PDB file of N, CA and C in Angstrom:
ATOM      1  N   MET A   1    -139.712  40.502 190.520  1.00  0.00           N
ATOM      2  CA  MET A   1    -139.881  41.654 189.714  1.00  0.00           C
ATOM      3  C   MET A   1    -141.775  40.806 189.329  1.00  0.00           C
ATOM      4  N   ARG A   2    -142.733  42.122 189.371  1.00  0.00           N
ATOM      5  CA  ARG A   2    -143.976  41.246 188.761  1.00  0.00           C
ATOM      6  C   ARG A   2    -144.225  42.003 187.946  1.00  0.00           C
ATOM      7  N   VAL A   3    -144.996  41.505 186.644  1.00  0.00           N
ATOM      8  CA  VAL A   3    -145.530  42.236 185.395  1.00  0.00           C
ATOM      9  C   VAL A   3    -147.781  41.865 185.420  1.00  0.00           C
ATOM     10  N   PHE A   4    -147.790  42.992 184.867  1.00  0.00           N
ATOM     11  CA  PHE A   4    -149.378  42.712 185.735  1.00  0.00           C
ATOM     12  C   PHE A   4    -149.554  43.230 183.645  1.00  0.00           C
ATOM     13  N   ASP A   5    -150.361  42.211 183.203  1.00  0.00           N
ATOM     14  CA  ASP A   5    -151.372  41.484 181.979  1.00  0.00           C
ATOM     15  C   ASP A   5    -152.609  42.767 181.359  1.00  0.00           C
ATOM     16  N   ILE A   6    -152.808  43.378 180.552  1.00  0.00           N
ATOM     17  CA  ILE A   6    -153.863  44.535 180.387  1.00  0.00           C
ATOM     18  C   ILE A   6    -154.422  43.834 178.642  1.00  0.00           C
ATOM     19  N   PRO A   7    -154.783  42.927 178.538  1.00  0.00           N
ATOM     20  CA  PRO A   7    -155.329  42.618 176.945  1.00  0.00           C
ATOM     21  C   PRO A   7    -156.298  43.305 176.278  1.00  0.00           C
ATOM     22  N   LEU A   8    -156.317  43.540 175.331  1.00  0.00           N
ATOM     23  CA  LEU A   8    -156.976  44.150 174.532  1.00  0.00           C
ATOM     24  C   LEU A   8    -158.436  44.035 174.642  1.00  0.00           C
ATOM     25  N   HIS A   9    -158.816  42.674 174.885  1.00  0.00           N
ATOM     26  CA  HIS A   9    -160.463  42.402 174.599  1.00  0.00           C
ATOM     27  C   HIS A   9    -160.332  40.673 175.638  1.00  0.00           C
ATOM     28  N   PRO A  10    -160.546  41.118 176.640  1.00  0.00           N
ATOM     29  CA  PRO A  10    -160.550  39.803 177.909  1.00  0.00           C
ATOM     30  C   PRO A  10    -161.447  39.378 177.615  1.00  0.00           C
ATOM     31  N   PRO A  11    -161.973  37.913 178.219  1.00  0.00           N
ATOM     32  CA  PRO A  11    -163.274  37.735 177.770  1.00  0.00           C
ATOM     33  C   PRO A  11    -164.072  37.467 178.847  1.00  0.00           C
ATOM     34  N   GLY A  12    -165.072  38.317 178.008  1.00  0.00           N
ATOM     35  CA  GLY A  12    -165.820  38.737 179.608  1.00  0.00           C
ATOM     36  C   GLY A  12    -166.341  40.185 179.085  1.00  0.00           C
ATOM     37  N   ASP A  13    -165.644  40.686 178.424  1.00  0.00           N
ATOM     38  CA  ASP A  13    -165.114  41.846 178.689  1.00  0.00           C
ATOM     39  C   ASP A  13    -164.575  42.721 179.575  1.00  0.00           C
ATOM     40  N   THR A  14    -163.728  41.937 180.369  1.00  0.00           N
ATOM     41  CA  THR A  14    -163.732  42.168 181.892  1.00  0.00           C
ATOM     42  C   THR A  14    -162.162  41.842 182.546  1.00  0.00           C
ATOM     43  N   TRP A  15    -161.964  43.077 182.412  1.00  0.00           N
ATOM     44  CA  TRP A  15    -160.257  43.246 183.056  1.00  0.00           C
ATOM     45  C   TRP A  15    -160.313  43.360 184.294  1.00  0.00           C
ATOM     46  N   ARG A  16    -159.508  42.163 184.290  1.00  0.00           N
ATOM     47  CA  ARG A  16    -159.124  42.163 185.909  1.00  0.00           C
ATOM     48  C   ARG A  16    -157.714  42.622 186.386  1.00  0.00           C
ATOM     49  N   VAL A  17    -157.223  43.531 187.175  1.00  0.00           N
ATOM     50  CA  VAL A  17    -155.959  43.331 187.863  1.00  0.00           C
ATOM     51  C   VAL A  17    -155.580  42.055 188.841  1.00  0.00           C
ATOM     52  N   SER A  18    -154.873  41.927 189.310  1.00  0.00           N
ATOM     53  CA  SER A  18    -154.582  40.908 190.469  1.00  0.00           C
ATOM     54  C   SER A  18    -153.640  41.509 191.899  1.00  0.00           C
ATOM     55  N   GLN A  19    -153.732  41.512 192.763  1.00  0.00           N
ATOM     56  CA  GLN A  19    -153.053  41.855 193.879  1.00  0.00           C
ATOM     57  C   GLN A  19    -152.056  41.485 194.212  1.00  0.00           C
ATOM     58  N   LEU A  20    -151.120  41.444 195.175  1.00  0.00           N
ATOM     59  CA  LEU A  20    -150.145  40.807 195.414  1.00  0.00           C
ATOM     60  C   LEU A  20    -150.797  39.579 196.387  1.00  0.00           C
ATOM     61  N   ASP A  21    -151.697  40.210 197.032  1.00  0.00           N
ATOM     62  CA  ASP A  21    -152.094  38.861 198.273  1.00  0.00           C
ATOM     63  C   ASP A  21    -153.141  38.238 197.463  1.00  0.00           C
ATOM     64  N   GLY A  22    -153.243  38.486 195.802  1.00  0.00           N
ATOM     65  CA  GLY A  22    -154.130  37.126 195.391  1.00  0.00           C
ATOM     66  C   GLY A  22    -155.832  38.210 195.311  1.00  0.00           C
ATOM     67  N   TRP A  23    -156.001  39.081 195.182  1.00  0.00           N
ATOM     68  CA  TRP A  23    -157.068  39.495 195.540  1.00  0.00           C
ATOM     69  C   TRP A  23    -157.316  40.286 193.803  1.00  0.00           C
ATOM     70  N   HIS A  24    -158.469  40.639 193.863  1.00  0.00           N
ATOM     71  CA  HIS A  24    -158.268  41.631 192.540  1.00  0.00           C
ATOM     72  C   HIS A  24    -159.072  41.909 191.913  1.00  0.00           C
ATOM     73  N   HIS A  25    -159.079  43.266 191.399  1.00  0.00           N
ATOM     74  CA  HIS A  25    -159.582  44.093 190.730  1.00  0.00           C
ATOM     75  C   HIS A  25    -160.673  43.664 189.531  1.00  0.00           C
ATOM     76  N   SER A  26    -162.065  44.065 189.681  1.00  0.00           N
ATOM     77  CA  SER A  26    -162.467  43.676 188.399  1.00  0.00           C
ATOM     78  C   SER A  26    -162.916  45.361 187.300  1.00  0.00           C
ATOM     79  N   PHE A  27    -162.547  45.871 186.130  1.00  0.00           N
ATOM     80  CA  PHE A  27    -163.043  46.895 185.571  1.00  0.00           C
ATOM     81  C   PHE A  27    -163.819  46.523 184.264  1.00  0.00           C
ATOM     82  N   ASP A  28    -164.727  47.251 183.662  1.00  0.00           N
ATOM     83  CA  ASP A  28    -165.603  47.231 183.027  1.00  0.00           C
ATOM     84  C   ASP A  28    -164.856  48.279 181.699  1.00  0.00           C
ATOM     85  N   GLY A  29    -164.061  48.927 182.275  1.00  0.00           N
ATOM     86  CA  GLY A  29    -163.556  49.680 180.313  1.00  0.00           C
ATOM     87  C   GLY A  29    -161.442  49.210 180.932  1.00  0.00           C
ATOM     88  N   ARG A  30    -161.216  49.557 179.607  1.00  0.00           N
ATOM     89  CA  ARG A  30    -159.510  49.028 180.191  1.00  0.00           C
ATOM     90  C   ARG A  30    -158.711  50.166 180.370  1.00  0.00           C
ATOM     91  N   PRO A  31    -159.312  51.370 180.213  1.00  0.00           N
ATOM     92  CA  PRO A  31    -158.616  52.551 180.998  1.00  0.00           C
ATOM     93  C   PRO A  31    -158.670  52.256 182.272  1.00  0.00           C
ATOM     94  N   GLY A  32    -159.565  52.138 182.866  1.00  0.00           N
ATOM     95  CA  GLY A  32    -159.954  51.659 184.522  1.00  0.00           C
ATOM     96  C   GLY A  32    -158.371  50.523 184.762  1.00  0.00           C
ATOM     97  N   ALA A  33    -158.412  49.604 184.365  1.00  0.00           N
ATOM     98  CA  ALA A  33    -157.802  48.961 184.218  1.00  0.00           C
ATOM     99  C   ALA A  33    -156.176  49.218 184.400  1.00  0.00           C
ATOM    100  N   VAL A  34    -156.053  49.421 183.542  1.00  0.00           N
ATOM    101  CA  VAL A  34    -154.845  50.896 182.828  1.00  0.00           C
ATOM    102  C   VAL A  34    -154.015  51.242 184.352  1.00  0.00           C
ATOM    103  N   SER A  35    -155.449  52.227 184.466  1.00  0.00           N
ATOM    104  CA  SER A  35    -155.070  53.581 185.007  1.00  0.00           C
ATOM    105  C   SER A  35    -154.610  53.013 187.210  1.00  0.00           C
ATOM    106  N   PHE A  36    -155.495  51.300 187.581  1.00  0.00           N
ATOM    107  CA  PHE A  36    -155.256  50.927 188.255  1.00  0.00           C
ATOM    108  C   PHE A  36    -153.545  50.156 188.375  1.00  0.00           C
ATOM    109  N   ALA A  37    -153.780  49.337 187.221  1.00  0.00           N
ATOM    110  CA  ALA A  37    -152.551  48.493 187.398  1.00  0.00           C
ATOM    111  C   ALA A  37    -151.055  49.648 187.740  1.00  0.00           C
ATOM    112  N   GLU A  38    -151.469  50.515 186.710  1.00  0.00           N
ATOM    113  CA  GLU A  38    -150.104  51.485 186.902  1.00  0.00           C
ATOM    114  C   GLU A  38    -149.974  52.174 187.971  1.00  0.00           C
ATOM    115  N   LYS A  39    -151.098  52.859 189.500  1.00  0.00           N
ATOM    116  CA  LYS A  39    -150.689  52.797 190.452  1.00  0.00           C
ATOM    117  C   LYS A  39    -149.999  51.727 191.115  1.00  0.00           C
ATOM    118  N   LEU A  40    -150.628  50.283 191.072  1.00  0.00           N
ATOM    119  CA  LEU A  40    -149.724  49.098 191.790  1.00  0.00           C
ATOM    120  C   LEU A  40    -148.685  48.640 191.025  1.00  0.00           C
ATOM    121  N   ALA A  41    -148.176  49.343 190.002  1.00  0.00           N
ATOM    122  CA  ALA A  41    -146.739  49.258 189.328  1.00  0.00           C
ATOM    123  C   ALA A  41    -145.783  49.705 190.107  1.00  0.00           C
ATOM    124  N   ALA A  42    -146.815  51.439 190.162  1.00  0.00           N
ATOM    125  CA  ALA A  42    -145.381  52.307 190.641  1.00  0.00           C
ATOM    126  C   ALA A  42    -145.442  52.345 191.994  1.00  0.00           C
ATOM    127  N   ARG A  43    -146.109  51.851 193.128  1.00  0.00           N
ATOM    128  CA  ARG A  43    -145.908  51.159 194.742  1.00  0.00           C
ATOM    129  C   ARG A  43    -145.242  50.221 194.495  1.00  0.00           C
ATOM    130  N   LEU A  44    -144.774  49.221 193.737  1.00  0.00           N
ATOM    131  CA  LEU A  44    -143.524  48.332 193.852  1.00  0.00           C
ATOM    132  C   LEU A  44    -142.664  48.382 192.949  1.00  0.00           C
ATOM    133  N   GLU A  45    -142.480  49.648 192.347  1.00  0.00           N
ATOM    134  CA  GLU A  45    -141.321  49.786 191.477  1.00  0.00           C
ATOM    135  C   GLU A  45    -139.807  49.734 192.523  1.00  0.00           C
ATOM    136  N   SER A  46    -140.273  49.755 193.845  1.00  0.00           N
ATOM    137  CA  SER A  46    -138.571  50.034 194.086  1.00  0.00           C
ATOM    138  C   SER A  46    -138.664  49.254 195.473  1.00  0.00           C
ATOM    139  N   THR A  47    -139.597  48.540 194.838  1.00  0.00           N
ATOM    140  CA  THR A  47    -139.661  46.933 196.528  1.00  0.00           C
ATOM    141  C   THR A  47    -139.511  45.298 194.935  1.00  0.00           C
ATOM    142  N   ASP A  48    -139.368  43.867 195.905  1.00  0.00           N
ATOM    143  CA  ASP A  48    -139.806  43.229 194.949  1.00  0.00           C
ATOM    144  C   ASP A  48    -138.855  43.274 193.949  1.00  0.00           C
ATOM    145  N   GLY A  49    -138.525  43.664 193.217  1.00  0.00           N
ATOM    146  CA  GLY A  49    -137.587  43.713 192.008  1.00  0.00           C
ATOM    147  C   GLY A  49    -138.208  44.458 190.682  1.00  0.00           C
ATOM    148  N   GLY A  50    -139.364  45.428 191.302  1.00  0.00           N
ATOM    149  CA  GLY A  50    -139.663  46.251 190.407  1.00  0.00           C
ATOM    150  C   GLY A  50    -141.307  45.880 190.186  1.00  0.00           C
ATOM    151  N   ALA A  51    -141.928  46.433 188.712  1.00  0.00           N
ATOM    152  CA  ALA A  51    -143.021  46.138 188.240  1.00  0.00           C
ATOM    153  C   ALA A  51    -143.179  46.774 187.103  1.00  0.00           C
ATOM    154  N   TYR A  52    -144.182  46.208 186.037  1.00  0.00           N
ATOM    155  CA  TYR A  52    -143.790  46.811 185.276  1.00  0.00           C
ATOM    156  C   TYR A  52    -145.838  46.162 184.097  1.00  0.00           C
ATOM    157  N   LEU A  53    -146.364  46.554 183.303  1.00  0.00           N
ATOM    158  CA  LEU A  53    -147.389  46.382 183.013  1.00  0.00           C
ATOM    159  C   LEU A  53    -147.779  46.333 181.703  1.00  0.00           C
ATOM    160  N   SER A  54    -148.125  44.662 180.989  1.00  0.00           N
ATOM    161  CA  SER A  54    -147.286  44.482 179.837  1.00  0.00           C
ATOM    162  C   SER A  54    -149.205  44.728 179.158  1.00  0.00           C
ATOM    163  N   ILE A  55    -149.297  45.114 178.095  1.00  0.00           N
ATOM    164  CA  ILE A  55    -150.297  45.719 177.297  1.00  0.00           C
ATOM    165  C   ILE A  55    -150.376  45.283 175.673  1.00  0.00           C
ATOM    166  N   GLU A  56    -151.442  44.380 175.944  1.00  0.00           N
ATOM    167  CA  GLU A  56    -151.568  44.093 173.974  1.00  0.00           C
ATOM    168  C   GLU A  56    -152.252  44.961 173.320  1.00  0.00           C
ATOM    169  N   GLY A  57    -151.200  45.824 172.655  1.00  0.00           N
ATOM    170  CA  GLY A  57    -152.212  46.727 171.331  1.00  0.00           C
ATOM    171  C   GLY A  57    -152.957  45.820 170.235  1.00  0.00           C
ATOM    172  N   GLU A  58    -153.419  46.637 169.784  1.00  0.00           N
ATOM    173  CA  GLU A  58    -154.230  46.459 168.132  1.00  0.00           C
ATOM    174  C   GLU A  58    -153.849  45.256 167.495  1.00  0.00           C
ATOM    175  N   ASP A  59    -152.347  45.211 167.446  1.00  0.00           N
ATOM    176  CA  ASP A  59    -152.773  44.554 166.182  1.00  0.00           C
ATOM    177  C   ASP A  59    -151.949  43.162 167.061  1.00  0.00           C
ATOM    178  N   GLY A  60    -151.993  43.134 168.241  1.00  0.00           N
ATOM    179  CA  GLY A  60    -151.986  41.802 168.116  1.00  0.00           C
ATOM    180  C   GLY A  60    -150.562  41.249 169.779  1.00  0.00           C
ATOM    181  N   LYS A  61    -150.047  42.658 169.479  1.00  0.00           N
ATOM    182  CA  LYS A  61    -148.370  41.968 170.500  1.00  0.00           C
ATOM    183  C   LYS A  61    -148.637  43.190 171.709  1.00  0.00           C
ATOM    184  N   TRP A  62    -147.702  42.726 172.349  1.00  0.00           N
ATOM    185  CA  TRP A  62    -147.827  42.203 173.719  1.00  0.00           C
ATOM    186  C   TRP A  62    -146.188  43.597 174.835  1.00  0.00           C
ATOM    187  N   ARG A  63    -146.615  44.757 174.573  1.00  0.00           N
ATOM    188  CA  ARG A  63    -145.628  45.479 174.724  1.00  0.00           C
ATOM    189  C   ARG A  63    -145.810  45.568 176.692  1.00  0.00           C
ATOM    190  N   LEU A  64    -144.291  45.682 176.481  1.00  0.00           N
ATOM    191  CA  LEU A  64    -143.856  46.332 178.168  1.00  0.00           C
ATOM    192  C   LEU A  64    -143.448  47.516 178.142  1.00  0.00           C
ATOM    193  N   PHE A  65    -144.185  48.071 179.875  1.00  0.00           N
ATOM    194  CA  PHE A  65    -144.346  49.582 180.093  1.00  0.00           C
ATOM    195  C   PHE A  65    -144.034  49.355 181.226  1.00  0.00           C
ATOM    196  N   THR A  66    -143.250  51.049 181.867  1.00  0.00           N
ATOM    197  CA  THR A  66    -142.673  50.544 182.839  1.00  0.00           C
ATOM    198  C   THR A  66    -144.459  51.606 184.040  1.00  0.00           C
ATOM    199  N   PRO A  67    -144.270  51.701 185.655  1.00  0.00           N
ATOM    200  CA  PRO A  67    -145.265  52.394 185.425  1.00  0.00           C
ATOM    201  C   PRO A  67    -145.800  54.011 185.534  1.00  0.00           C
ATOM    202  N   ALA A  68    -144.501  54.812 184.795  1.00  0.00           N
ATOM    203  CA  ALA A  68    -145.081  55.693 184.513  1.00  0.00           C
ATOM    204  C   ALA A  68    -145.576  55.916 182.494  1.00  0.00           C
ATOM    205  N   LEU A  69    -145.502  54.277 182.403  1.00  0.00           N
ATOM    206  CA  LEU A  69    -146.517  54.157 180.998  1.00  0.00           C
ATOM    207  C   LEU A  69    -145.575  54.396 179.942  1.00  0.00           C
ATOM    208  N   LYS A  70    -143.860  54.322 180.038  1.00  0.00           N
ATOM    209  CA  LYS A  70    -143.078  54.545 179.397  1.00  0.00           C
ATOM    210  C   LYS A  70    -142.283  53.029 179.485  1.00  0.00           C
ATOM    211  N   ALA A  71    -141.594  53.066 178.055  1.00  0.00           N
ATOM    212  CA  ALA A  71    -140.688  52.077 177.619  1.00  0.00           C
ATOM    213  C   ALA A  71    -139.795  51.453 178.486  1.00  0.00           C
ATOM    214  N   PRO A  72    -139.738  50.581 179.160  1.00  0.00           N
ATOM    215  CA  PRO A  72    -138.583  50.072 179.895  1.00  0.00           C
ATOM    216  C   PRO A  72    -137.082  50.912 178.926  1.00  0.00           C
ATOM    217  N   VAL A  73    -135.941  50.375 179.608  1.00  0.00           N
ATOM    218  CA  VAL A  73    -134.997  51.105 178.783  1.00  0.00           C
ATOM    219  C   VAL A  73    -133.713  50.452 179.428  1.00  0.00           C
TER     220      VAL A  73
END
């Protein structure tokens, strides 16, 4: 299983999403990082034990989401 972490305020205000091959993509905004991670997770959903997004809320709590951005069942 793979989990993509999306913080609320990353260091340097640059959101990074790492791919399985070790490369990462950088984004100036959180929406771009979430969208990219969502697409990566959707591709991995049926392989490698699945993938999820862990997104930090404004309250500082981390919440887990499926590639469809829904809470896992």
